[in-house]
Structures are given as structure tokens and as C-alpha cells.
Amino acid sequence: MIKTIRPLHHPSPESITVTGILHALSDPVRISIVAELRKAEGGLNCIETTSRLQFSMPKSTCSQHYRILRESGLIYSERRGVELTSRVRRKELDSRFPGLLDAILKAWRKEQEG
């Protein structure tokens, strides 16, 4: 039996919304993933990210978080062999909503500190 690979949905920059971004980042795991991906220029896969964050979760749960982030327009994912590597869509997000992601992450980090 041949397994078909579903194409990944990435919204166009024009269809990314503030509502979608805020919804995706409302989950503490997802905002942690985005913060970690921002540090990795070349992107990370699910296992690398959860390892860096010291999170333990089933691969299916991690995939679900990545799907929400991807479909909101926050990250871009590409297949590299059997792995899916993701990165933050910095240029697209900053072009559409200048400073929004930085402001959200800065506020979130302050909450984590105090």
C-alpha cells in the first residue's frame, strides 16, 4: 500500500489575520513553540522543539499544535525527507503587521518572569 502525503496548507500573507494569530498564540505550548522557533533561523522539527523546551507530549499532539500555527500563518513548514521542519514567517508577519509578533512575545516573556 502506498501512503500519500497530504499537501501542507500555508495561508497567503494577505489572508493572515490578527484574530488567527492571537488564537494560535493563546495556548501556552504554542506560544512557547513560536518563541523557540524564532531563535532557530533554519527551523526545527517537532522533536527538536519539544526537546529544547523540555516538553513531553505525544507526536500527534505536537503535530496538532504545529498545524494550528501553520494554518494561522505564523509558521512555514516543509518536508525534509520524513521530517517536517518549521520556521516562523518573520518577513511575511512583519510586512503585514509590523512589530506585532515581537510585542506579543515580549509581553509573554514578561509574564513568565513575574
PDB file of N, CA and C in Angstrom:
ATOM      1  N   MET A   1       0.832  -1.180   0.000  1.00  0.00           N
ATOM      2  CA  MET A   1       0.000   0.000   0.000  1.00  0.00           C
ATOM      3  C   MET A   1       0.885   1.255   0.000  1.00  0.00           C
ATOM      4  N   ILE A   2       0.607   2.159  -0.907  1.00  0.00           N
ATOM      5  CA  ILE A   2       1.366   3.398  -0.998  1.00  0.00           C
ATOM      6  C   ILE A   2       0.666   4.463  -0.179  1.00  0.00           C
ATOM      7  N   LYS A   3       1.448   5.107   0.673  1.00  0.00           N
ATOM      8  CA  LYS A   3       0.905   6.165   1.527  1.00  0.00           C
ATOM      9  C   LYS A   3       1.049   7.504   0.806  1.00  0.00           C
ATOM     10  N   THR A   4      -0.050   8.223   0.665  1.00  0.00           N
ATOM     11  CA  THR A   4       0.016   9.530   0.028  1.00  0.00           C
ATOM     12  C   THR A   4       0.253  10.599   1.082  1.00  0.00           C
ATOM     13  N   ILE A   5       1.042  11.586   0.722  1.00  0.00           N
ATOM     14  CA  ILE A   5       1.357  12.671   1.643  1.00  0.00           C
ATOM     15  C   ILE A   5       0.453  13.846   1.313  1.00  0.00           C
ATOM     16  N   ARG A   6      -0.274  14.282   2.319  1.00  0.00           N
ATOM     17  CA  ARG A   6      -1.164  15.430   2.127  1.00  0.00           C
ATOM     18  C   ARG A   6      -0.350  16.708   1.986  1.00  0.00           C
ATOM     19  N   PRO A   7      -0.785  17.582   1.095  1.00  0.00           N
ATOM     20  CA  PRO A   7      -0.080  18.866   0.988  1.00  0.00           C
ATOM     21  C   PRO A   7      -0.326  19.709   2.238  1.00  0.00           C
ATOM     22  N   LEU A   8       0.637  20.552   2.563  1.00  0.00           N
ATOM     23  CA  LEU A   8       0.523  21.420   3.735  1.00  0.00           C
ATOM     24  C   LEU A   8      -0.150  22.726   3.336  1.00  0.00           C
ATOM     25  N   HIS A   9      -1.070  23.187   4.155  1.00  0.00           N
ATOM     26  CA  HIS A   9      -1.753  24.451   3.881  1.00  0.00           C
ATOM     27  C   HIS A   9      -0.997  25.589   4.559  1.00  0.00           C
ATOM     28  N   HIS A  10      -0.604  26.579   3.751  1.00  0.00           N
ATOM     29  CA  HIS A  10       0.022  27.799   4.250  1.00  0.00           C
ATOM     30  C   HIS A  10      -0.783  28.969   3.693  1.00  0.00           C
ATOM     31  N   PRO A  11      -1.418  29.746   4.549  1.00  0.00           N
ATOM     32  CA  PRO A  11      -2.192  30.871   4.026  1.00  0.00           C
ATOM     33  C   PRO A  11      -1.292  31.919   3.369  1.00  0.00           C
ATOM     34  N   SER A  12      -1.838  32.603   2.396  1.00  0.00           N
ATOM     35  CA  SER A  12      -1.093  33.693   1.771  1.00  0.00           C
ATOM     36  C   SER A  12      -0.917  34.802   2.806  1.00  0.00           C
ATOM     37  N   PRO A  13       0.121  35.613   2.680  1.00  0.00           N
ATOM     38  CA  PRO A  13       0.314  36.698   3.649  1.00  0.00           C
ATOM     39  C   PRO A  13      -0.910  37.611   3.777  1.00  0.00           C
ATOM     40  N   GLU A  14      -1.610  37.837   2.675  1.00  0.00           N
ATOM     41  CA  GLU A  14      -2.783  38.717   2.701  1.00  0.00           C
ATOM     42  C   GLU A  14      -3.943  38.132   3.503  1.00  0.00           C
ATOM     43  N   SER A  15      -3.973  36.819   3.658  1.00  0.00           N
ATOM     44  CA  SER A  15      -5.087  36.207   4.383  1.00  0.00           C
ATOM     45  C   SER A  15      -4.774  35.932   5.859  1.00  0.00           C
ATOM     46  N   ILE A  16      -3.567  36.272   6.309  1.00  0.00           N
ATOM     47  CA  ILE A  16      -3.226  36.126   7.731  1.00  0.00           C
ATOM     48  C   ILE A  16      -3.949  37.230   8.497  1.00  0.00           C
ATOM     49  N   THR A  17      -4.600  36.856   9.602  1.00  0.00           N
ATOM     50  CA  THR A  17      -5.363  37.829  10.389  1.00  0.00           C
ATOM     51  C   THR A  17      -4.834  37.928  11.809  1.00  0.00           C
ATOM     52  N   VAL A  18      -5.068  39.072  12.418  1.00  0.00           N
ATOM     53  CA  VAL A  18      -4.708  39.258  13.825  1.00  0.00           C
ATOM     54  C   VAL A  18      -5.477  38.262  14.684  1.00  0.00           C
ATOM     55  N   THR A  19      -6.743  38.059  14.368  1.00  0.00           N
ATOM     56  CA  THR A  19      -7.566  37.109  15.123  1.00  0.00           C
ATOM     57  C   THR A  19      -6.958  35.715  15.079  1.00  0.00           C
ATOM     58  N   GLY A  20      -6.524  35.278  13.905  1.00  0.00           N
ATOM     59  CA  GLY A  20      -5.906  33.961  13.763  1.00  0.00           C
ATOM     60  C   GLY A  20      -4.610  33.854  14.537  1.00  0.00           C
ATOM     61  N   ILE A  21      -3.807  34.909  14.484  1.00  0.00           N
ATOM     62  CA  ILE A  21      -2.544  34.929  15.220  1.00  0.00           C
ATOM     63  C   ILE A  21      -2.800  34.846  16.722  1.00  0.00           C
ATOM     64  N   LEU A  22      -3.712  35.679  17.205  1.00  0.00           N
ATOM     65  CA  LEU A  22      -3.993  35.690  18.645  1.00  0.00           C
ATOM     66  C   LEU A  22      -4.580  34.363  19.110  1.00  0.00           C
ATOM     67  N   HIS A  23      -5.441  33.767  18.295  1.00  0.00           N
ATOM     68  CA  HIS A  23      -5.999  32.457  18.658  1.00  0.00           C
ATOM     69  C   HIS A  23      -4.876  31.422  18.765  1.00  0.00           C
ATOM     70  N   ALA A  24      -4.002  31.389  17.758  1.00  0.00           N
ATOM     71  CA  ALA A  24      -2.929  30.395  17.755  1.00  0.00           C
ATOM     72  C   ALA A  24      -1.989  30.580  18.943  1.00  0.00           C
ATOM     73  N   LEU A  25      -1.724  31.823  19.306  1.00  0.00           N
ATOM     74  CA  LEU A  25      -0.790  32.097  20.398  1.00  0.00           C
ATOM     75  C   LEU A  25      -1.444  32.091  21.780  1.00  0.00           C
ATOM     76  N   SER A  26      -2.747  31.841  21.838  1.00  0.00           N
ATOM     77  CA  SER A  26      -3.435  31.836  23.137  1.00  0.00           C
ATOM     78  C   SER A  26      -3.104  30.594  23.963  1.00  0.00           C
ATOM     79  N   ASP A  27      -2.547  29.585  23.336  1.00  0.00           N
ATOM     80  CA  ASP A  27      -2.169  28.367  24.042  1.00  0.00           C
ATOM     81  C   ASP A  27      -0.711  28.483  24.500  1.00  0.00           C
ATOM     82  N   PRO A  28      -0.419  28.208  25.780  1.00  0.00           N
ATOM     83  CA  PRO A  28       0.953  28.361  26.284  1.00  0.00           C
ATOM     84  C   PRO A  28       1.977  27.480  25.568  1.00  0.00           C
ATOM     85  N   VAL A  29       1.584  26.306  25.126  1.00  0.00           N
ATOM     86  CA  VAL A  29       2.519  25.442  24.399  1.00  0.00           C
ATOM     87  C   VAL A  29       2.847  26.056  23.044  1.00  0.00           C
ATOM     88  N   ARG A  30       1.839  26.543  22.345  1.00  0.00           N
ATOM     89  CA  ARG A  30       2.071  27.105  21.009  1.00  0.00           C
ATOM     90  C   ARG A  30       2.908  28.377  21.061  1.00  0.00           C
ATOM     91  N   ILE A  31       2.661  29.243  22.024  1.00  0.00           N
ATOM     92  CA  ILE A  31       3.479  30.462  22.098  1.00  0.00           C
ATOM     93  C   ILE A  31       4.916  30.107  22.463  1.00  0.00           C
ATOM     94  N   SER A  32       5.112  29.072  23.266  1.00  0.00           N
ATOM     95  CA  SER A  32       6.464  28.595  23.583  1.00  0.00           C
ATOM     96  C   SER A  32       7.149  28.056  22.328  1.00  0.00           C
ATOM     97  N   ILE A  33       6.414  27.330  21.515  1.00  0.00           N
ATOM     98  CA  ILE A  33       6.964  26.798  20.265  1.00  0.00           C
ATOM     99  C   ILE A  33       7.403  27.940  19.352  1.00  0.00           C
ATOM    100  N   VAL A  34       6.555  28.948  19.197  1.00  0.00           N
ATOM    101  CA  VAL A  34       6.899  30.083  18.330  1.00  0.00           C
ATOM    102  C   VAL A  34       8.129  30.809  18.858  1.00  0.00           C
ATOM    103  N   ALA A  35       8.194  31.028  20.168  1.00  0.00           N
ATOM    104  CA  ALA A  35       9.354  31.696  20.761  1.00  0.00           C
ATOM    105  C   ALA A  35      10.628  30.903  20.487  1.00  0.00           C
ATOM    106  N   GLU A  36      10.558  29.589  20.574  1.00  0.00           N
ATOM    107  CA  GLU A  36      11.727  28.752  20.317  1.00  0.00           C
ATOM    108  C   GLU A  36      12.087  28.747  18.831  1.00  0.00           C
ATOM    109  N   LEU A  37      11.087  28.686  17.971  1.00  0.00           N
ATOM    110  CA  LEU A  37      11.345  28.701  16.529  1.00  0.00           C
ATOM    111  C   LEU A  37      11.967  30.021  16.085  1.00  0.00           C
ATOM    112  N   ARG A  38      11.629  31.117  16.771  1.00  0.00           N
ATOM    113  CA  ARG A  38      12.224  32.427  16.417  1.00  0.00           C
ATOM    114  C   ARG A  38      13.732  32.418  16.604  1.00  0.00           C
ATOM    115  N   LYS A  39      14.211  31.583  17.509  1.00  0.00           N
ATOM    116  CA  LYS A  39      15.651  31.501  17.772  1.00  0.00           C
ATOM    117  C   LYS A  39      16.395  30.683  16.715  1.00  0.00           C
ATOM    118  N   ALA A  40      15.674  29.853  15.971  1.00  0.00           N
ATOM    119  CA  ALA A  40      16.290  28.924  15.023  1.00  0.00           C
ATOM    120  C   ALA A  40      16.043  29.385  13.594  1.00  0.00           C
ATOM    121  N   GLU A  41      17.018  30.062  13.021  1.00  0.00           N
ATOM    122  CA  GLU A  41      16.885  30.598  11.661  1.00  0.00           C
ATOM    123  C   GLU A  41      16.524  29.518  10.646  1.00  0.00           C
ATOM    124  N   GLY A  42      17.156  28.353  10.750  1.00  0.00           N
ATOM    125  CA  GLY A  42      16.925  27.283   9.783  1.00  0.00           C
ATOM    126  C   GLY A  42      15.695  26.448  10.066  1.00  0.00           C
ATOM    127  N   GLY A  43      15.027  26.731  11.176  1.00  0.00           N
ATOM    128  CA  GLY A  43      13.835  25.972  11.541  1.00  0.00           C
ATOM    129  C   GLY A  43      14.164  24.754  12.385  1.00  0.00           C
ATOM    130  N   LEU A  44      13.117  24.183  12.938  1.00  0.00           N
ATOM    131  CA  LEU A  44      13.232  22.998  13.786  1.00  0.00           C
ATOM    132  C   LEU A  44      12.094  22.044  13.470  1.00  0.00           C
ATOM    133  N   ASN A  45      12.301  20.771  13.763  1.00  0.00           N
ATOM    134  CA  ASN A  45      11.186  19.845  13.666  1.00  0.00           C
ATOM    135  C   ASN A  45      10.528  19.719  15.042  1.00  0.00           C
ATOM    136  N   CYS A  46       9.457  19.000  15.094  1.00  0.00           N
ATOM    137  CA  CYS A  46       8.662  18.860  16.315  1.00  0.00           C
ATOM    138  C   CYS A  46       9.494  18.305  17.479  1.00  0.00           C
ATOM    139  N   ILE A  47      10.269  17.272  17.212  1.00  0.00           N
ATOM    140  CA  ILE A  47      11.056  16.631  18.268  1.00  0.00           C
ATOM    141  C   ILE A  47      12.139  17.573  18.789  1.00  0.00           C
ATOM    142  N   GLU A  48      12.809  18.286  17.886  1.00  0.00           N
ATOM    143  CA  GLU A  48      13.845  19.234  18.308  1.00  0.00           C
ATOM    144  C   GLU A  48      13.252  20.329  19.192  1.00  0.00           C
ATOM    145  N   THR A  49      12.093  20.836  18.794  1.00  0.00           N
ATOM    146  CA  THR A  49      11.469  21.917  19.555  1.00  0.00           C
ATOM    147  C   THR A  49      11.056  21.452  20.942  1.00  0.00           C
ATOM    148  N   THR A  50      10.353  20.332  21.016  1.00  0.00           N
ATOM    149  CA  THR A  50       9.898  19.854  22.328  1.00  0.00           C
ATOM    150  C   THR A  50      11.083  19.485  23.215  1.00  0.00           C
ATOM    151  N   SER A  51      12.165  19.004  22.619  1.00  0.00           N
ATOM    152  CA  SER A  51      13.365  18.691  23.395  1.00  0.00           C
ATOM    153  C   SER A  51      13.972  19.969  23.978  1.00  0.00           C
ATOM    154  N   ARG A  52      14.082  21.005  23.161  1.00  0.00           N
ATOM    155  CA  ARG A  52      14.626  22.274  23.646  1.00  0.00           C
ATOM    156  C   ARG A  52      13.757  22.881  24.739  1.00  0.00           C
ATOM    157  N   LEU A  53      12.446  22.723  24.599  1.00  0.00           N
ATOM    158  CA  LEU A  53      11.519  23.285  25.582  1.00  0.00           C
ATOM    159  C   LEU A  53      11.326  22.362  26.784  1.00  0.00           C
ATOM    160  N   GLN A  54      11.859  21.173  26.688  1.00  0.00           N
ATOM    161  CA  GLN A  54      11.707  20.158  27.731  1.00  0.00           C
ATOM    162  C   GLN A  54      10.234  19.836  27.977  1.00  0.00           C
ATOM    163  N   PHE A  55       9.492  19.731  26.869  1.00  0.00           N
ATOM    164  CA  PHE A  55       8.087  19.329  26.924  1.00  0.00           C
ATOM    165  C   PHE A  55       8.006  17.849  26.598  1.00  0.00           C
ATOM    166  N   SER A  56       7.058  17.187  27.202  1.00  0.00           N
ATOM    167  CA  SER A  56       6.789  15.799  26.880  1.00  0.00           C
ATOM    168  C   SER A  56       5.342  15.713  26.408  1.00  0.00           C
ATOM    169  N   MET A  57       5.162  15.328  25.142  1.00  0.00           N
ATOM    170  CA  MET A  57       3.814  15.195  24.603  1.00  0.00           C
ATOM    171  C   MET A  57       3.838  14.198  23.463  1.00  0.00           C
ATOM    172  N   PRO A  58       2.721  13.560  23.209  1.00  0.00           N
ATOM    173  CA  PRO A  58       2.661  12.642  22.072  1.00  0.00           C
ATOM    174  C   PRO A  58       2.924  13.394  20.766  1.00  0.00           C
ATOM    175  N   LYS A  59       3.502  12.699  19.789  1.00  0.00           N
ATOM    176  CA  LYS A  59       3.795  13.314  18.492  1.00  0.00           C
ATOM    177  C   LYS A  59       2.525  13.864  17.849  1.00  0.00           C
ATOM    178  N   SER A  60       1.400  13.190  18.045  1.00  0.00           N
ATOM    179  CA  SER A  60       0.143  13.660  17.454  1.00  0.00           C
ATOM    180  C   SER A  60      -0.288  15.002  18.047  1.00  0.00           C
ATOM    181  N   THR A  61      -0.040  15.206  19.330  1.00  0.00           N
ATOM    182  CA  THR A  61      -0.381  16.482  19.972  1.00  0.00           C
ATOM    183  C   THR A  61       0.530  17.582  19.444  1.00  0.00           C
ATOM    184  N   CYS A  62       1.805  17.269  19.318  1.00  0.00           N
ATOM    185  CA  CYS A  62       2.757  18.233  18.775  1.00  0.00           C
ATOM    186  C   CYS A  62       2.355  18.603  17.345  1.00  0.00           C
ATOM    187  N   SER A  63       2.014  17.623  16.553  1.00  0.00           N
ATOM    188  CA  SER A  63       1.590  17.868  15.168  1.00  0.00           C
ATOM    189  C   SER A  63       0.361  18.762  15.113  1.00  0.00           C
ATOM    190  N   GLN A  64      -0.551  18.562  16.039  1.00  0.00           N
ATOM    191  CA  GLN A  64      -1.763  19.393  16.094  1.00  0.00           C
ATOM    192  C   GLN A  64      -1.397  20.847  16.395  1.00  0.00           C
ATOM    193  N   HIS A  65      -0.500  21.075  17.336  1.00  0.00           N
ATOM    194  CA  HIS A  65      -0.060  22.438  17.647  1.00  0.00           C
ATOM    195  C   HIS A  65       0.591  23.088  16.426  1.00  0.00           C
ATOM    196  N   TYR A  66       1.458  22.340  15.752  1.00  0.00           N
ATOM    197  CA  TYR A  66       2.120  22.861  14.554  1.00  0.00           C
ATOM    198  C   TYR A  66       1.107  23.164  13.450  1.00  0.00           C
ATOM    199  N   ARG A  67       0.093  22.326  13.302  1.00  0.00           N
ATOM    200  CA  ARG A  67      -0.928  22.565  12.278  1.00  0.00           C
ATOM    201  C   ARG A  67      -1.660  23.875  12.545  1.00  0.00           C
ATOM    202  N   ILE A  68      -2.013  24.131  13.786  1.00  0.00           N
ATOM    203  CA  ILE A  68      -2.705  25.374  14.147  1.00  0.00           C
ATOM    204  C   ILE A  68      -1.803  26.579  13.870  1.00  0.00           C
ATOM    205  N   LEU A  69      -0.536  26.468  14.236  1.00  0.00           N
ATOM    206  CA  LEU A  69       0.405  27.566  13.979  1.00  0.00           C
ATOM    207  C   LEU A  69       0.591  27.796  12.482  1.00  0.00           C
ATOM    208  N   ARG A  70       0.675  26.710  11.724  1.00  0.00           N
ATOM    209  CA  ARG A  70       0.857  26.812  10.271  1.00  0.00           C
ATOM    210  C   ARG A  70      -0.375  27.424   9.608  1.00  0.00           C
ATOM    211  N   GLU A  71      -1.548  26.941   9.965  1.00  0.00           N
ATOM    212  CA  GLU A  71      -2.769  27.419   9.332  1.00  0.00           C
ATOM    213  C   GLU A  71      -3.133  28.844   9.740  1.00  0.00           C
ATOM    214  N   SER A  72      -2.590  29.322  10.850  1.00  0.00           N
ATOM    215  CA  SER A  72      -2.807  30.718  11.244  1.00  0.00           C
ATOM    216  C   SER A  72      -1.862  31.650  10.489  1.00  0.00           C
ATOM    217  N   GLY A  73      -0.825  31.067   9.870  1.00  0.00           N
ATOM    218  CA  GLY A  73       0.137  31.866   9.127  1.00  0.00           C
ATOM    219  C   GLY A  73       1.387  32.218   9.907  1.00  0.00           C
ATOM    220  N   LEU A  74       1.508  31.723  11.131  1.00  0.00           N
ATOM    221  CA  LEU A  74       2.675  32.050  11.959  1.00  0.00           C
ATOM    222  C   LEU A  74       3.942  31.317  11.539  1.00  0.00           C
ATOM    223  N   ILE A  75       3.786  30.086  11.079  1.00  0.00           N
ATOM    224  CA  ILE A  75       4.968  29.310  10.705  1.00  0.00           C
ATOM    225  C   ILE A  75       4.820  28.764   9.291  1.00  0.00           C
ATOM    226  N   TYR A  76       5.974  28.447   8.704  1.00  0.00           N
ATOM    227  CA  TYR A  76       6.032  27.799   7.407  1.00  0.00           C
ATOM    228  C   TYR A  76       6.709  26.453   7.634  1.00  0.00           C
ATOM    229  N   SER A  77       6.106  25.387   7.145  1.00  0.00           N
ATOM    230  CA  SER A  77       6.665  24.042   7.323  1.00  0.00           C
ATOM    231  C   SER A  77       6.983  23.434   5.967  1.00  0.00           C
ATOM    232  N   GLU A  78       8.085  22.700   5.937  1.00  0.00           N
ATOM    233  CA  GLU A  78       8.447  21.994   4.711  1.00  0.00           C
ATOM    234  C   GLU A  78       8.965  20.614   5.053  1.00  0.00           C
ATOM    235  N   ARG A  79       8.721  19.696   4.137  1.00  0.00           N
ATOM    236  CA  ARG A  79       9.158  18.323   4.336  1.00  0.00           C
ATOM    237  C   ARG A  79      10.622  18.202   3.927  1.00  0.00           C
ATOM    238  N   ARG A  80      11.381  17.581   4.804  1.00  0.00           N
ATOM    239  CA  ARG A  80      12.776  17.237   4.517  1.00  0.00           C
ATOM    240  C   ARG A  80      12.909  15.755   4.804  1.00  0.00           C
ATOM    241  N   GLY A  81      12.752  14.974   3.761  1.00  0.00           N
ATOM    242  CA  GLY A  81      12.699  13.522   3.929  1.00  0.00           C
ATOM    243  C   GLY A  81      11.419  13.161   4.659  1.00  0.00           C
ATOM    244  N   VAL A  82      11.552  12.471   5.779  1.00  0.00           N
ATOM    245  CA  VAL A  82      10.374  12.085   6.553  1.00  0.00           C
ATOM    246  C   VAL A  82      10.031  13.112   7.626  1.00  0.00           C
ATOM    247  N   GLU A  83      10.898  14.109   7.787  1.00  0.00           N
ATOM    248  CA  GLU A  83      10.673  15.116   8.824  1.00  0.00           C
ATOM    249  C   GLU A  83       9.976  16.350   8.264  1.00  0.00           C
ATOM    250  N   LEU A  84       9.310  17.053   9.146  1.00  0.00           N
ATOM    251  CA  LEU A  84       8.668  18.318   8.818  1.00  0.00           C
ATOM    252  C   LEU A  84       9.389  19.398   9.615  1.00  0.00           C
ATOM    253  N   THR A  85      10.076  20.287   8.920  1.00  0.00           N
ATOM    254  CA  THR A  85      10.821  21.356   9.577  1.00  0.00           C
ATOM    255  C   THR A  85      10.041  22.652   9.444  1.00  0.00           C
ATOM    256  N   SER A  86       9.953  23.396  10.533  1.00  0.00           N
ATOM    257  CA  SER A  86       9.160  24.623  10.545  1.00  0.00           C
ATOM    258  C   SER A  86       9.981  25.808  10.991  1.00  0.00           C
ATOM    259  N   ARG A  87       9.589  26.970  10.494  1.00  0.00           N
ATOM    260  CA  ARG A  87      10.225  28.228  10.876  1.00  0.00           C
ATOM    261  C   ARG A  87       9.148  29.302  10.965  1.00  0.00           C
ATOM    262  N   VAL A  88       9.428  30.358  11.719  1.00  0.00           N
ATOM    263  CA  VAL A  88       8.497  31.481  11.840  1.00  0.00           C
ATOM    264  C   VAL A  88       8.535  32.280  10.535  1.00  0.00           C
ATOM    265  N   ARG A  89       7.381  32.732  10.079  1.00  0.00           N
ATOM    266  CA  ARG A  89       7.278  33.527   8.849  1.00  0.00           C
ATOM    267  C   ARG A  89       7.543  35.005   9.178  1.00  0.00           C
ATOM    268  N   ARG A  90       8.762  35.302   9.578  1.00  0.00           N
ATOM    269  CA  ARG A  90       9.137  36.640  10.058  1.00  0.00           C
ATOM    270  C   ARG A  90       8.831  37.741   9.055  1.00  0.00           C
ATOM    271  N   LYS A  91       9.350  37.599   7.844  1.00  0.00           N
ATOM    272  CA  LYS A  91       9.189  38.668   6.848  1.00  0.00           C
ATOM    273  C   LYS A  91       7.721  38.922   6.530  1.00  0.00           C
ATOM    274  N   GLU A  92       6.967  37.848   6.317  1.00  0.00           N
ATOM    275  CA  GLU A  92       5.554  37.997   5.972  1.00  0.00           C
ATOM    276  C   GLU A  92       4.773  38.649   7.108  1.00  0.00           C
ATOM    277  N   LEU A  93       5.038  38.210   8.346  1.00  0.00           N
ATOM    278  CA  LEU A  93       4.328  38.754   9.502  1.00  0.00           C
ATOM    279  C   LEU A  93       4.704  40.208   9.757  1.00  0.00           C
ATOM    280  N   ASP A  94       5.996  40.514   9.672  1.00  0.00           N
ATOM    281  CA  ASP A  94       6.424  41.898   9.900  1.00  0.00           C
ATOM    282  C   ASP A  94       5.947  42.830   8.799  1.00  0.00           C
ATOM    283  N   SER A  95       5.826  42.313   7.596  1.00  0.00           N
ATOM    284  CA  SER A  95       5.318  43.127   6.498  1.00  0.00           C
ATOM    285  C   SER A  95       3.831  43.426   6.686  1.00  0.00           C
ATOM    286  N   ARG A  96       3.093  42.419   7.107  1.00  0.00           N
ATOM    287  CA  ARG A  96       1.636  42.570   7.271  1.00  0.00           C
ATOM    288  C   ARG A  96       1.274  43.307   8.560  1.00  0.00           C
ATOM    289  N   PHE A  97       1.934  42.944   9.660  1.00  0.00           N
ATOM    290  CA  PHE A  97       1.644  43.529  10.978  1.00  0.00           C
ATOM    291  C   PHE A  97       2.956  43.903  11.656  1.00  0.00           C
ATOM    292  N   PRO A  98       3.548  45.033  11.296  1.00  0.00           N
ATOM    293  CA  PRO A  98       4.864  45.409  11.827  1.00  0.00           C
ATOM    294  C   PRO A  98       4.903  45.427  13.367  1.00  0.00           C
ATOM    295  N   GLY A  99       5.841  44.641  13.913  1.00  0.00           N
ATOM    296  CA  GLY A  99       6.070  44.635  15.351  1.00  0.00           C
ATOM    297  C   GLY A  99       5.087  43.828  16.182  1.00  0.00           C
ATOM    298  N   LEU A 100       4.034  43.287  15.575  1.00  0.00           N
ATOM    299  CA  LEU A 100       3.007  42.576  16.351  1.00  0.00           C
ATOM    300  C   LEU A 100       3.573  41.354  17.074  1.00  0.00           C
ATOM    301  N   LEU A 101       4.231  40.479  16.340  1.00  0.00           N
ATOM    302  CA  LEU A 101       4.731  39.257  16.967  1.00  0.00           C
ATOM    303  C   LEU A 101       5.772  39.574  18.034  1.00  0.00           C
ATOM    304  N   ASP A 102       6.656  40.519  17.751  1.00  0.00           N
ATOM    305  CA  ASP A 102       7.660  40.904  18.754  1.00  0.00           C
ATOM    306  C   ASP A 102       6.996  41.427  20.027  1.00  0.00           C
ATOM    307  N   ALA A 103       5.964  42.248  19.866  1.00  0.00           N
ATOM    308  CA  ALA A 103       5.266  42.806  21.036  1.00  0.00           C
ATOM    309  C   ALA A 103       4.583  41.708  21.852  1.00  0.00           C
ATOM    310  N   ILE A 104       3.953  40.765  21.170  1.00  0.00           N
ATOM    311  CA  ILE A 104       3.278  39.665  21.861  1.00  0.00           C
ATOM    312  C   ILE A 104       4.292  38.827  22.628  1.00  0.00           C
ATOM    313  N   LEU A 105       5.395  38.462  21.969  1.00  0.00           N
ATOM    314  CA  LEU A 105       6.401  37.627  22.625  1.00  0.00           C
ATOM    315  C   LEU A 105       7.080  38.354  23.780  1.00  0.00           C
ATOM    316  N   LYS A 106       7.315  39.645  23.631  1.00  0.00           N
ATOM    317  CA  LYS A 106       7.916  40.426  24.711  1.00  0.00           C
ATOM    318  C   LYS A 106       6.991  40.456  25.929  1.00  0.00           C
ATOM    319  N   ALA A 107       5.705  40.689  25.716  1.00  0.00           N
ATOM    320  CA  ALA A 107       4.728  40.711  26.811  1.00  0.00           C
ATOM    321  C   ALA A 107       4.629  39.331  27.469  1.00  0.00           C
ATOM    322  N   TRP A 108       4.650  38.276  26.657  1.00  0.00           N
ATOM    323  CA  TRP A 108       4.576  36.915  27.180  1.00  0.00           C
ATOM    324  C   TRP A 108       5.795  36.600  28.046  1.00  0.00           C
ATOM    325  N   ARG A 109       6.973  37.010  27.587  1.00  0.00           N
ATOM    326  CA  ARG A 109       8.189  36.762  28.385  1.00  0.00           C
ATOM    327  C   ARG A 109       8.125  37.485  29.721  1.00  0.00           C
ATOM    328  N   LYS A 110       7.607  38.700  29.724  1.00  0.00           N
ATOM    329  CA  LYS A 110       7.458  39.445  30.987  1.00  0.00           C
ATOM    330  C   LYS A 110       6.521  38.704  31.937  1.00  0.00           C
ATOM    331  N   GLU A 111       5.438  38.157  31.406  1.00  0.00           N
ATOM    332  CA  GLU A 111       4.507  37.372  32.232  1.00  0.00           C
ATOM    333  C   GLU A 111       5.206  36.157  32.827  1.00  0.00           C
ATOM    334  N   GLN A 112       6.086  35.515  32.044  1.00  0.00           N
ATOM    335  CA  GLN A 112       6.797  34.325  32.503  1.00  0.00           C
ATOM    336  C   GLN A 112       7.759  34.646  33.632  1.00  0.00           C
ATOM    337  N   GLU A 113       8.324  35.863  33.601  1.00  0.00           N
ATOM    338  CA  GLU A 113       9.286  36.270  34.625  1.00  0.00           C
ATOM    339  C   GLU A 113       8.616  36.595  35.963  1.00  0.00           C
ATOM    340  N   GLY A 114       7.409  37.129  35.864  1.00  0.00           N
ATOM    341  CA  GLY A 114       6.873  37.634  37.100  1.00  0.00           C
ATOM    342  C   GLY A 114       5.570  37.174  37.490  1.00  0.00           C
TER     343      GLY A 114
END
